[in-house]
Amino acid sequence: ILVDCRDTLKYGVRTGHPRFFNQLSTGIDIVGLAGEWLTSTANTNMFTYEIAPVFVLMEQLTLKKMREIVGWPNGEGDGIFSPGGAISNMYSVMIARYKYFPEIKTKGMAAAPRLVLFTSELSHYSIKKASAALGFGTDNLILLNTDERGRVIPADLESKVTEAKQKGYVPVYVNATAGTTVFGAFDPINDIADICEKYNMWLHVDAAWGGGLLMSRKHKHKMSGIHRANSVTWNPHKMMGVPLQCSAILVREKGLLQGCNSMCAGYLFQPDKHYDVTYDTGDKAIQCGRHVDIFKFWLMWKAKGTVGFEQQIDKCLDLSAYLYSKIKNREGFQMVFNGEPQHTNVCFWYLPLSLRHLPDGEEKRERLHKVAPKIKAMMMESGTTMVGYQPQGDQVNFFRMVISNPAATRSDIDFLVEEIERLGQDL
């Protein structure tokens, strides 16, 4: 058994290593790990206070604190921890639909007019998945144009809302992203909120990636206006370094989660229990069994404090600024867009010697498109570091560097740059 355990870790990817830059969730926090171990030891379910009293209370207190940080008065509202940002985003669409057309819960989508949703062309694909899974259909998810930095253009939103209404459709939901997956862009929430209020639409802010910046006095201004949202997705397992999984859906209006999802299963949610049954959370969730995701997060917050989270988040953003300053004028590197990154996402191309003096054109694009995949393959074969890449729109494959591990240092950034040069210069 011990050999199997060693081999499993030996041949797996060490996502906690400070040179793993491939995903938005990295690092390993010892306090969080201890919390996960204790959670597994408790081996309980979050659906009732009856069997998880301490964890239920921890979840309530922590969600209230998160809502206070978002800016809702006295932390009022509701929320729940879900199995990841995609499910949190799905909750937001479900709740919005229930708010405006509660009859759909019993009668189905046939009871409603043609409903349309709006999201950035660069938003997370979970919004498209939610529109498909919940019966809206992806044709009724309208994609919004973005500017050169990947932020939604508010005028395009208003234009497309007006156009949809003229066709007889009912605009019901807008998703604004606070920290897009690739560019780390922050949509202009206040401008979008103005339009949502004007046309009576639900505003959701997907802050799965960017939510951690709310803990930073230096960077939280990037989400100015988030308090105007009707719902917010926030993933502590990303920028805050909580072990996977830990995602919250926060809702400004209390009672909507319960009303939307309640099915009153008599074998779980008896109204005549010997305690206040409003503490039972199971009927707010679309799941029955729900993993305890709160304890590791609560324990880390107790250990670090808000200032501790702020320091680690500021450090990651400082490192991204260091990387940007290091490569923006470095020979062989080319930034995908000008200007400092808004988040820890740093997007760039590496041009081998053979491409640097090649004139712009289709041949150069085709050859450059193959560079990042080849360098990454060599990185993985040598086991030295790991960084993501992808195309975006008409842009060929580029590296997307993200920093969310507080254990990373400037020397790790230096190593990454030198490793890309070492592996790629002769391609």
Protein backbone atom coordinates (compact mmCIF):
# COMPACT_ATOMS: atom_id res chain seq x y z
CA ILE A 1 0.00 0.00 0.00
CA LEU A 2 2.80 2.44 0.87
CA VAL A 3 4.48 1.73 -2.47
CA ASP A 4 1.19 2.45 -4.26
CA CYS A 5 0.87 5.72 -2.36
CA ARG A 6 4.43 6.76 -3.23
CA ASP A 7 3.97 5.84 -6.89
CA THR A 8 0.70 7.75 -7.10
CA LEU A 9 2.40 10.94 -5.91
CA LYS A 10 5.57 10.22 -7.88
CA TYR A 11 3.80 9.99 -11.24
CA GLY A 12 1.22 12.69 -10.60
CA VAL A 13 1.65 16.40 -11.33
CA ARG A 14 2.88 18.35 -8.30
CA THR A 15 0.45 21.24 -8.45
CA GLY A 16 1.75 22.57 -5.13
CA HIS A 17 5.23 23.17 -6.56
CA PRO A 18 6.12 26.88 -6.86
CA ARG A 19 7.03 26.35 -10.53
CA PHE A 20 3.60 24.97 -11.47
CA PHE A 21 1.95 27.89 -13.27
CA ASN A 22 -0.50 25.91 -15.39
CA GLN A 23 -3.82 26.45 -13.62
CA LEU A 24 -5.64 29.11 -11.61
CA SER A 25 -5.55 26.93 -8.47
CA THR A 26 -2.05 26.02 -7.29
CA GLY A 27 0.00 25.68 -4.14
CA ILE A 28 -0.52 23.69 -0.98
CA ASP A 29 -1.38 25.32 2.33
CA ILE A 30 -0.47 23.23 5.38
CA VAL A 31 -3.31 24.59 7.52
CA GLY A 32 -5.79 23.99 4.70
CA LEU A 33 -4.43 20.48 4.24
CA ALA A 34 -4.90 19.79 7.95
CA GLY A 35 -8.46 21.08 7.65
CA GLU A 36 -9.12 18.71 4.74
CA TRP A 37 -7.77 15.77 6.75
CA LEU A 38 -10.02 16.57 9.69
CA THR A 39 -12.97 17.01 7.33
CA SER A 40 -12.37 13.53 5.92
CA THR A 41 -12.08 12.15 9.43
CA ALA A 42 -15.47 13.64 10.33
CA ASN A 43 -16.93 12.07 7.14
CA THR A 44 -20.24 13.89 7.35
CA ASN A 45 -22.68 15.60 5.01
CA MET A 46 -23.69 19.25 4.89
CA PHE A 47 -27.39 18.75 4.24
CA THR A 48 -28.62 19.05 7.85
CA TYR A 49 -27.57 20.75 11.07
CA GLU A 50 -28.54 17.48 12.71
CA ILE A 51 -25.45 15.64 11.45
CA ALA A 52 -23.04 18.55 10.78
CA PRO A 53 -23.83 21.22 13.40
CA VAL A 54 -20.36 22.77 13.68
CA PHE A 55 -19.70 22.81 9.95
CA VAL A 56 -23.13 24.31 9.19
CA LEU A 57 -22.51 27.16 11.64
CA MET A 58 -19.00 27.71 10.23
CA GLU A 59 -20.46 27.93 6.73
CA GLN A 60 -23.11 30.45 7.78
CA LEU A 61 -20.60 32.70 9.55
CA THR A 62 -18.05 32.53 6.74
CA LEU A 63 -20.58 33.22 3.99
CA LYS A 64 -21.87 36.20 5.97
CA LYS A 65 -18.33 37.57 6.21
CA MET A 66 -17.82 37.09 2.47
CA ARG A 67 -21.05 38.98 1.76
CA GLU A 68 -19.84 41.82 4.01
CA ILE A 69 -16.62 41.98 1.99
CA VAL A 70 -18.65 42.09 -1.25
CA GLY A 71 -20.36 45.14 0.26
CA TRP A 72 -23.89 44.02 1.04
CA PRO A 73 -25.23 45.75 4.18
CA ASN A 74 -24.48 43.75 7.34
CA GLY A 75 -23.61 40.75 5.19
CA GLU A 76 -27.30 40.12 4.58
CA GLY A 77 -28.39 37.67 1.90
CA ASP A 78 -27.76 34.00 1.37
CA GLY A 79 -25.24 31.60 -0.07
CA ILE A 80 -23.88 28.11 -0.19
CA PHE A 81 -20.63 26.33 -0.99
CA SER A 82 -20.83 24.34 -4.22
CA PRO A 83 -18.64 21.82 -6.09
CA GLY A 84 -16.80 24.52 -8.07
CA GLY A 85 -17.24 27.78 -9.94
CA ALA A 86 -19.14 26.18 -12.82
CA ILE A 87 -21.86 24.97 -10.46
CA SER A 88 -21.89 28.31 -8.60
CA ASN A 89 -22.45 30.05 -11.93
CA MET A 90 -25.22 27.58 -12.76
CA TYR A 91 -26.88 28.41 -9.44
CA SER A 92 -26.88 32.08 -10.44
CA VAL A 93 -28.75 31.36 -13.68
CA MET A 94 -31.25 29.12 -11.87
CA ILE A 95 -31.93 31.73 -9.20
CA ALA A 96 -32.34 34.54 -11.74
CA ARG A 97 -34.84 32.46 -13.69
CA TYR A 98 -36.75 31.63 -10.49
CA LYS A 99 -36.78 35.30 -9.44
CA TYR A 100 -38.46 36.49 -12.65
CA PHE A 101 -40.42 33.37 -13.64
CA PRO A 102 -41.04 31.20 -10.55
CA GLU A 103 -43.66 29.17 -12.41
CA ILE A 104 -40.89 27.51 -14.44
CA LYS A 105 -40.05 25.44 -11.36
CA THR A 106 -43.31 23.52 -11.72
CA LYS A 107 -44.40 24.07 -15.31
CA GLY A 108 -41.05 24.05 -17.11
CA MET A 109 -39.60 26.38 -19.73
CA ALA A 110 -42.78 26.15 -21.81
CA ALA A 111 -44.41 28.44 -19.24
CA ALA A 112 -42.04 31.31 -20.05
CA PRO A 113 -41.46 33.53 -23.08
CA ARG A 114 -38.17 33.25 -24.94
CA LEU A 115 -35.56 34.23 -22.33
CA VAL A 116 -32.10 35.45 -23.27
CA LEU A 117 -28.87 35.69 -21.28
CA PHE A 118 -25.80 37.88 -21.88
CA THR A 119 -22.13 37.24 -21.19
CA SER A 120 -18.72 38.28 -22.46
CA GLU A 121 -17.26 36.50 -25.47
CA LEU A 122 -14.29 35.82 -23.15
CA SER A 123 -16.27 34.64 -20.13
CA HIS A 124 -15.89 31.17 -18.63
CA TYR A 125 -17.54 28.43 -20.67
CA SER A 126 -19.62 27.41 -17.64
CA ILE A 127 -22.14 30.14 -18.53
CA LYS A 128 -22.68 28.46 -21.90
CA LYS A 129 -22.95 25.09 -20.17
CA ALA A 130 -25.54 26.47 -17.76
CA SER A 131 -27.63 27.88 -20.61
CA ALA A 132 -27.62 24.46 -22.27
CA ALA A 133 -28.21 22.39 -19.12
CA LEU A 134 -31.04 24.60 -17.82
CA GLY A 135 -32.99 24.60 -21.06
CA PHE A 136 -32.31 28.13 -22.31
CA GLY A 137 -30.24 26.81 -25.20
CA THR A 138 -26.89 28.19 -26.27
CA ASP A 139 -28.56 30.15 -29.10
CA ASN A 140 -30.21 32.24 -26.39
CA LEU A 141 -26.90 33.12 -24.75
CA ILE A 142 -25.82 36.35 -26.43
CA LEU A 143 -22.07 37.01 -26.47
CA LEU A 144 -20.82 40.54 -25.84
CA ASN A 145 -17.91 42.20 -27.60
CA THR A 146 -14.81 43.11 -25.62
CA ASP A 147 -12.16 45.81 -25.87
CA GLU A 148 -8.45 45.29 -26.53
CA ARG A 149 -7.87 44.20 -22.91
CA GLY A 150 -10.73 41.69 -22.87
CA ARG A 151 -13.33 43.77 -20.98
CA VAL A 152 -17.00 43.87 -21.96
CA ILE A 153 -18.02 46.99 -23.90
CA PRO A 154 -21.12 48.31 -22.07
CA ALA A 155 -22.53 49.99 -25.18
CA ASP A 156 -22.54 46.61 -26.92
CA LEU A 157 -24.54 45.13 -24.04
CA GLU A 158 -27.19 47.86 -24.23
CA SER A 159 -27.38 47.58 -28.00
CA LYS A 160 -27.91 43.81 -27.86
CA VAL A 161 -30.46 44.07 -25.03
CA THR A 162 -32.46 46.57 -27.09
CA GLU A 163 -32.21 44.37 -30.17
CA ALA A 164 -33.41 41.31 -28.22
CA LYS A 165 -36.40 43.22 -26.83
CA GLN A 166 -37.34 44.40 -30.32
CA LYS A 167 -37.46 40.75 -31.41
CA GLY A 168 -39.86 39.97 -28.58
CA TYR A 169 -37.31 38.17 -26.41
CA VAL A 170 -37.06 38.76 -22.65
CA PRO A 171 -33.56 39.73 -21.42
CA VAL A 172 -33.27 38.26 -17.94
CA TYR A 173 -29.61 37.77 -16.92
CA VAL A 174 -26.21 39.35 -17.44
CA ASN A 175 -22.92 37.80 -16.35
CA ALA A 176 -20.01 40.16 -15.70
CA THR A 177 -16.61 38.57 -15.17
CA ALA A 178 -14.18 39.75 -12.50
CA GLY A 179 -10.99 38.13 -13.70
CA THR A 180 -11.36 36.32 -17.02
CA THR A 181 -9.69 32.94 -17.37
CA VAL A 182 -7.20 33.86 -20.08
CA PHE A 183 -6.53 37.61 -19.91
CA GLY A 184 -7.49 38.19 -16.26
CA ALA A 185 -9.74 41.06 -17.36
CA PHE A 186 -12.27 42.79 -15.11
CA ASP A 187 -15.52 43.82 -16.76
CA PRO A 188 -16.78 47.34 -15.84
CA ILE A 189 -19.31 46.28 -13.21
CA ASN A 190 -20.79 49.71 -12.47
CA ASP A 191 -21.55 50.42 -16.13
CA ILE A 192 -23.07 46.96 -16.56
CA ALA A 193 -25.10 47.38 -13.35
CA ASP A 194 -26.58 50.63 -14.69
CA ILE A 195 -27.85 48.78 -17.76
CA CYS A 196 -29.18 45.87 -15.69
CA GLU A 197 -31.15 48.27 -13.48
CA LYS A 198 -32.48 50.15 -16.52
CA TYR A 199 -33.82 46.97 -18.14
CA ASN A 200 -34.66 45.02 -14.97
CA MET A 201 -32.13 42.23 -15.49
CA TRP A 202 -30.32 40.04 -12.96
CA LEU A 203 -26.63 40.93 -12.60
CA HIS A 204 -24.28 38.10 -11.71
CA VAL A 205 -20.56 38.68 -11.16
CA ASP A 206 -18.36 35.68 -11.83
CA ALA A 207 -15.50 36.48 -9.47
CA ALA A 208 -14.31 32.87 -9.27
CA TRP A 209 -10.80 33.97 -10.25
CA GLY A 210 -10.83 37.61 -9.19
CA GLY A 211 -12.77 37.37 -5.92
CA GLY A 212 -9.64 36.99 -3.82
CA LEU A 213 -8.67 40.56 -4.74
CA LEU A 214 -11.53 41.76 -2.53
CA MET A 215 -9.23 40.88 0.39
CA SER A 216 -6.63 43.38 -0.86
CA ARG A 217 -6.94 47.08 -0.09
CA LYS A 218 -4.55 47.73 -2.96
CA HIS A 219 -6.43 45.80 -5.65
CA LYS A 220 -10.10 45.55 -4.67
CA HIS A 221 -10.91 48.71 -6.66
CA LYS A 222 -10.74 46.52 -9.78
CA MET A 223 -14.15 45.15 -8.74
CA SER A 224 -15.73 48.51 -8.02
CA GLY A 225 -19.51 48.12 -8.13
CA ILE A 226 -19.61 44.45 -7.17
CA HIS A 227 -21.96 45.35 -4.30
CA ARG A 228 -24.60 46.10 -6.95
CA ALA A 229 -24.64 42.48 -8.13
CA ASN A 230 -27.59 40.21 -7.40
CA SER A 231 -25.26 37.24 -7.06
CA VAL A 232 -21.52 36.58 -6.95
CA THR A 233 -19.36 33.51 -7.55
CA TRP A 234 -16.17 33.48 -5.47
CA ASN A 235 -13.66 30.60 -5.44
CA PRO A 236 -11.34 30.64 -2.41
CA HIS A 237 -9.56 27.64 -3.95
CA LYS A 238 -8.05 29.95 -6.56
CA MET A 239 -6.32 33.18 -5.47
CA MET A 240 -6.72 32.46 -1.76
CA GLY A 241 -4.95 29.11 -1.98
CA VAL A 242 -7.58 26.99 -0.21
CA PRO A 243 -7.24 23.30 -1.19
CA LEU A 244 -9.66 22.16 -3.88
CA GLN A 245 -12.59 22.38 -3.87
CA CYS A 246 -13.93 25.57 -2.30
CA SER A 247 -16.41 27.71 -4.23
CA ALA A 248 -19.22 29.92 -2.96
CA ILE A 249 -22.33 31.30 -4.61
CA LEU A 250 -23.44 34.45 -2.78
CA VAL A 251 -26.97 35.82 -3.26
CA ARG A 252 -28.08 39.30 -2.23
CA GLU A 253 -31.75 38.39 -1.67
CA LYS A 254 -32.44 35.92 1.11
CA GLY A 255 -34.91 33.12 0.39
CA LEU A 256 -34.30 32.72 -3.33
CA LEU A 257 -31.96 29.74 -2.99
CA GLN A 258 -34.49 27.94 -0.81
CA GLY A 259 -37.46 28.83 -2.99
CA CYS A 260 -35.69 27.84 -6.18
CA ASN A 261 -34.40 24.46 -5.04
CA SER A 262 -36.58 23.28 -2.16
CA MET A 263 -38.31 19.92 -2.63
CA CYS A 264 -39.15 19.25 1.07
CA ALA A 265 -37.92 15.65 1.26
CA GLY A 266 -39.68 14.31 4.35
CA TYR A 267 -36.94 11.82 5.20
CA LEU A 268 -34.38 14.62 5.61
CA PHE A 269 -36.12 17.91 6.32
CA GLN A 270 -38.74 17.21 8.97
CA PRO A 271 -40.34 20.48 10.19
CA ASP A 272 -40.80 19.21 13.77
CA LYS A 273 -37.15 18.60 14.67
CA HIS A 274 -35.99 19.61 18.13
CA TYR A 275 -33.91 22.53 16.74
CA ASP A 276 -34.48 25.49 14.42
CA VAL A 277 -34.72 23.80 11.02
CA THR A 278 -33.71 26.97 9.18
CA TYR A 279 -30.17 25.79 9.94
CA ASP A 280 -30.69 22.85 7.55
CA THR A 281 -29.00 23.82 4.28
CA GLY A 282 -29.74 20.79 2.14
CA ASP A 283 -32.92 22.07 0.51
CA LYS A 284 -31.09 25.16 -0.76
CA ALA A 285 -28.76 22.98 -2.82
CA ILE A 286 -29.35 21.12 -6.07
CA GLN A 287 -27.38 18.24 -4.58
CA CYS A 288 -28.43 15.99 -1.76
CA GLY A 289 -25.02 14.86 -0.54
CA ARG A 290 -22.76 17.89 -0.17
CA HIS A 291 -19.09 17.74 0.76
CA VAL A 292 -17.82 19.78 3.70
CA ASP A 293 -15.77 22.47 1.96
CA ILE A 294 -15.90 25.04 4.73
CA PHE A 295 -13.59 23.78 7.47
CA LYS A 296 -10.27 24.08 5.60
CA PHE A 297 -11.21 27.62 4.52
CA TRP A 298 -12.42 28.64 7.99
CA LEU A 299 -9.25 27.23 9.56
CA MET A 300 -7.00 29.06 7.10
CA TRP A 301 -8.83 32.33 7.75
CA LYS A 302 -8.39 31.82 11.49
CA ALA A 303 -4.68 31.12 11.00
CA LYS A 304 -3.84 33.88 8.50
CA GLY A 305 -6.44 36.50 9.23
CA THR A 306 -7.72 38.81 6.52
CA VAL A 307 -4.36 40.60 6.49
CA GLY A 308 -2.57 37.30 5.87
CA PHE A 309 -4.73 36.60 2.83
CA GLU A 310 -4.16 40.17 1.67
CA GLN A 311 -0.39 39.76 1.89
CA GLN A 312 -0.30 36.54 -0.12
CA ILE A 313 -2.60 37.97 -2.80
CA ASP A 314 -0.56 41.17 -3.07
CA LYS A 315 2.59 39.07 -3.36
CA CYS A 316 1.18 37.09 -6.30
CA LEU A 317 0.17 40.30 -8.08
CA ASP A 318 3.60 41.81 -7.41
CA LEU A 319 5.21 38.73 -8.98
CA SER A 320 3.05 39.07 -12.09
CA ALA A 321 4.12 42.71 -12.38
CA TYR A 322 7.74 41.58 -12.01
CA LEU A 323 7.33 39.04 -14.84
CA TYR A 324 5.70 41.66 -17.06
CA SER A 325 8.50 44.17 -16.45
CA LYS A 326 11.10 41.46 -17.08
CA ILE A 327 9.84 40.32 -20.48
CA LYS A 328 8.02 43.32 -21.99
CA ASN A 329 11.20 44.60 -23.69
CA ARG A 330 13.20 41.35 -23.63
CA GLU A 331 14.42 40.05 -26.98
CA GLY A 332 12.37 37.09 -28.19
CA PHE A 333 9.30 37.93 -26.09
CA GLN A 334 6.20 39.73 -27.30
CA MET A 335 3.23 40.71 -25.16
CA VAL A 336 -0.27 39.78 -26.31
CA PHE A 337 -1.52 43.22 -25.26
CA ASN A 338 0.17 46.40 -24.09
CA GLY A 339 0.00 47.59 -20.52
CA GLU A 340 0.39 45.97 -17.13
CA PRO A 341 -1.81 42.96 -16.42
CA GLN A 342 -4.93 43.58 -14.33
CA HIS A 343 -4.60 40.24 -12.56
CA THR A 344 -1.78 37.69 -12.30
CA ASN A 345 -2.40 36.54 -15.89
CA VAL A 346 0.58 37.48 -18.08
CA CYS A 347 0.04 36.57 -21.75
CA PHE A 348 2.96 36.51 -24.19
CA TRP A 349 4.56 34.84 -27.19
CA TYR A 350 8.10 33.52 -27.30
CA LEU A 351 9.73 33.87 -30.72
CA PRO A 352 12.66 31.51 -31.41
CA LEU A 353 15.66 32.91 -33.27
CA SER A 354 14.34 31.47 -36.55
CA LEU A 355 11.18 33.61 -36.35
CA ARG A 356 12.47 36.94 -35.09
CA HIS A 357 13.39 38.37 -38.47
CA LEU A 358 10.66 36.67 -40.45
CA PRO A 359 8.22 39.19 -41.99
CA ASP A 360 4.70 39.22 -40.59
CA GLY A 361 2.41 36.95 -42.54
CA GLU A 362 0.70 33.58 -42.63
CA GLU A 363 3.95 31.57 -42.57
CA LYS A 364 5.12 33.31 -39.40
CA ARG A 365 1.70 32.85 -37.78
CA GLU A 366 1.62 29.14 -38.60
CA ARG A 367 5.12 28.56 -37.24
CA LEU A 368 4.54 30.69 -34.12
CA HIS A 369 1.32 28.76 -33.43
CA LYS A 370 3.42 25.60 -32.93
CA VAL A 371 6.03 27.12 -30.61
CA ALA A 372 4.18 27.21 -27.28
CA PRO A 373 2.90 23.60 -27.53
CA LYS A 374 6.41 22.35 -28.35
CA ILE A 375 8.03 24.23 -25.48
CA LYS A 376 5.37 23.04 -23.04
CA ALA A 377 5.83 19.43 -24.17
CA MET A 378 9.57 19.70 -23.50
CA MET A 379 8.89 21.29 -20.11
CA MET A 380 6.67 18.38 -19.14
CA GLU A 381 9.14 15.78 -20.40
CA SER A 382 11.95 17.34 -18.37
CA GLY A 383 9.70 17.99 -15.37
CA THR A 384 11.13 21.44 -14.70
CA THR A 385 8.10 23.72 -14.81
CA MET A 386 4.61 23.92 -16.30
CA VAL A 387 2.73 26.83 -17.85
CA GLY A 388 -0.45 26.98 -19.92
CA TYR A 389 -1.00 28.14 -23.48
CA GLN A 390 -3.94 28.67 -25.82
CA PRO A 391 -5.11 30.61 -28.88
CA GLN A 392 -7.68 33.38 -28.45
CA GLY A 393 -9.81 34.65 -31.30
CA ASP A 394 -7.52 35.31 -34.25
CA GLN A 395 -4.39 35.19 -32.07
CA VAL A 396 -2.20 32.11 -32.42
CA ASN A 397 -1.08 30.05 -29.41
CA PHE A 398 0.49 32.15 -26.67
CA PHE A 399 1.66 31.41 -23.14
CA ARG A 400 -0.75 32.29 -20.34
CA MET A 401 1.23 32.59 -17.15
CA VAL A 402 -0.81 32.70 -13.93
CA ILE A 403 0.50 33.08 -10.39
CA SER A 404 -1.63 32.01 -7.44
CA ASN A 405 0.90 30.11 -5.33
CA PRO A 406 2.26 32.29 -2.52
CA ALA A 407 5.32 30.02 -2.33
CA ALA A 408 6.51 31.28 -5.73
CA THR A 409 9.41 33.75 -5.71
CA ARG A 410 11.22 35.98 -8.18
CA SER A 411 13.81 33.24 -8.67
CA ASP A 412 11.01 30.94 -9.89
CA ILE A 413 9.92 33.62 -12.37
CA ASP A 414 13.53 34.03 -13.53
CA PHE A 415 13.82 30.27 -13.96
CA LEU A 416 10.65 30.11 -16.07
CA VAL A 417 11.86 32.82 -18.45
CA GLU A 418 15.29 31.22 -18.80
CA GLU A 419 13.75 27.76 -19.29
CA ILE A 420 11.50 29.01 -22.09
CA GLU A 421 14.55 30.53 -23.76
CA ARG A 422 16.65 27.39 -23.28
CA LEU A 423 14.01 25.06 -24.69
CA GLY A 424 12.76 27.33 -27.44
CA GLN A 425 15.67 29.24 -28.89
CA ASP A 426 16.57 26.61 -31.52
CA LEU A 427 13.03 25.72 -32.63
